């Protein structure tokens, strides 16, 4: 069973159990997935409608949704709206349950050290060598902002 089917099943379960927050988050997520599928329609293709997303593509959509929640939490906290931040945090917990286990800062640093050694990067000017490899290796398992921070720290130090 693919990830999209798992999400649909989880939506049905949430509706049956009366879990409104989970239901709403999953509905929004499935809508975002559908919108992504529609956006990818090949205009020249004979098949009308949309193309099915693969599991990695679905994970990308989930990650984008989670990133939006993290950014909203940060902005709500800055604006003194703890009530809205709590709502976003609860939604983030639901989205995170469908993402792979996130790497810790130490694990990200270890991966980046390996990449730095492989690429022969020696300073901040070599960031362009390290970042694409780091993002590709840790895609879905670490936030891009965290990867960037670690790369900058290691290349400057």
Foldseek 3Di string as FASTA:
>chain_A
DALLVVLVVVLVVCVVVVVVLLNVLSVVLNVLQLVVQQVPDDPPDPDPGGDHDHRVVSLVSLVVLLVVLVVVLVVCVVVVNVVVNVSSVVSSVSSVVSFPAADDLVVLLVVLVVQCVVQVQAAPVCVVSRLVVSCVVCPRRYDSVSNVVSNHVVRHD
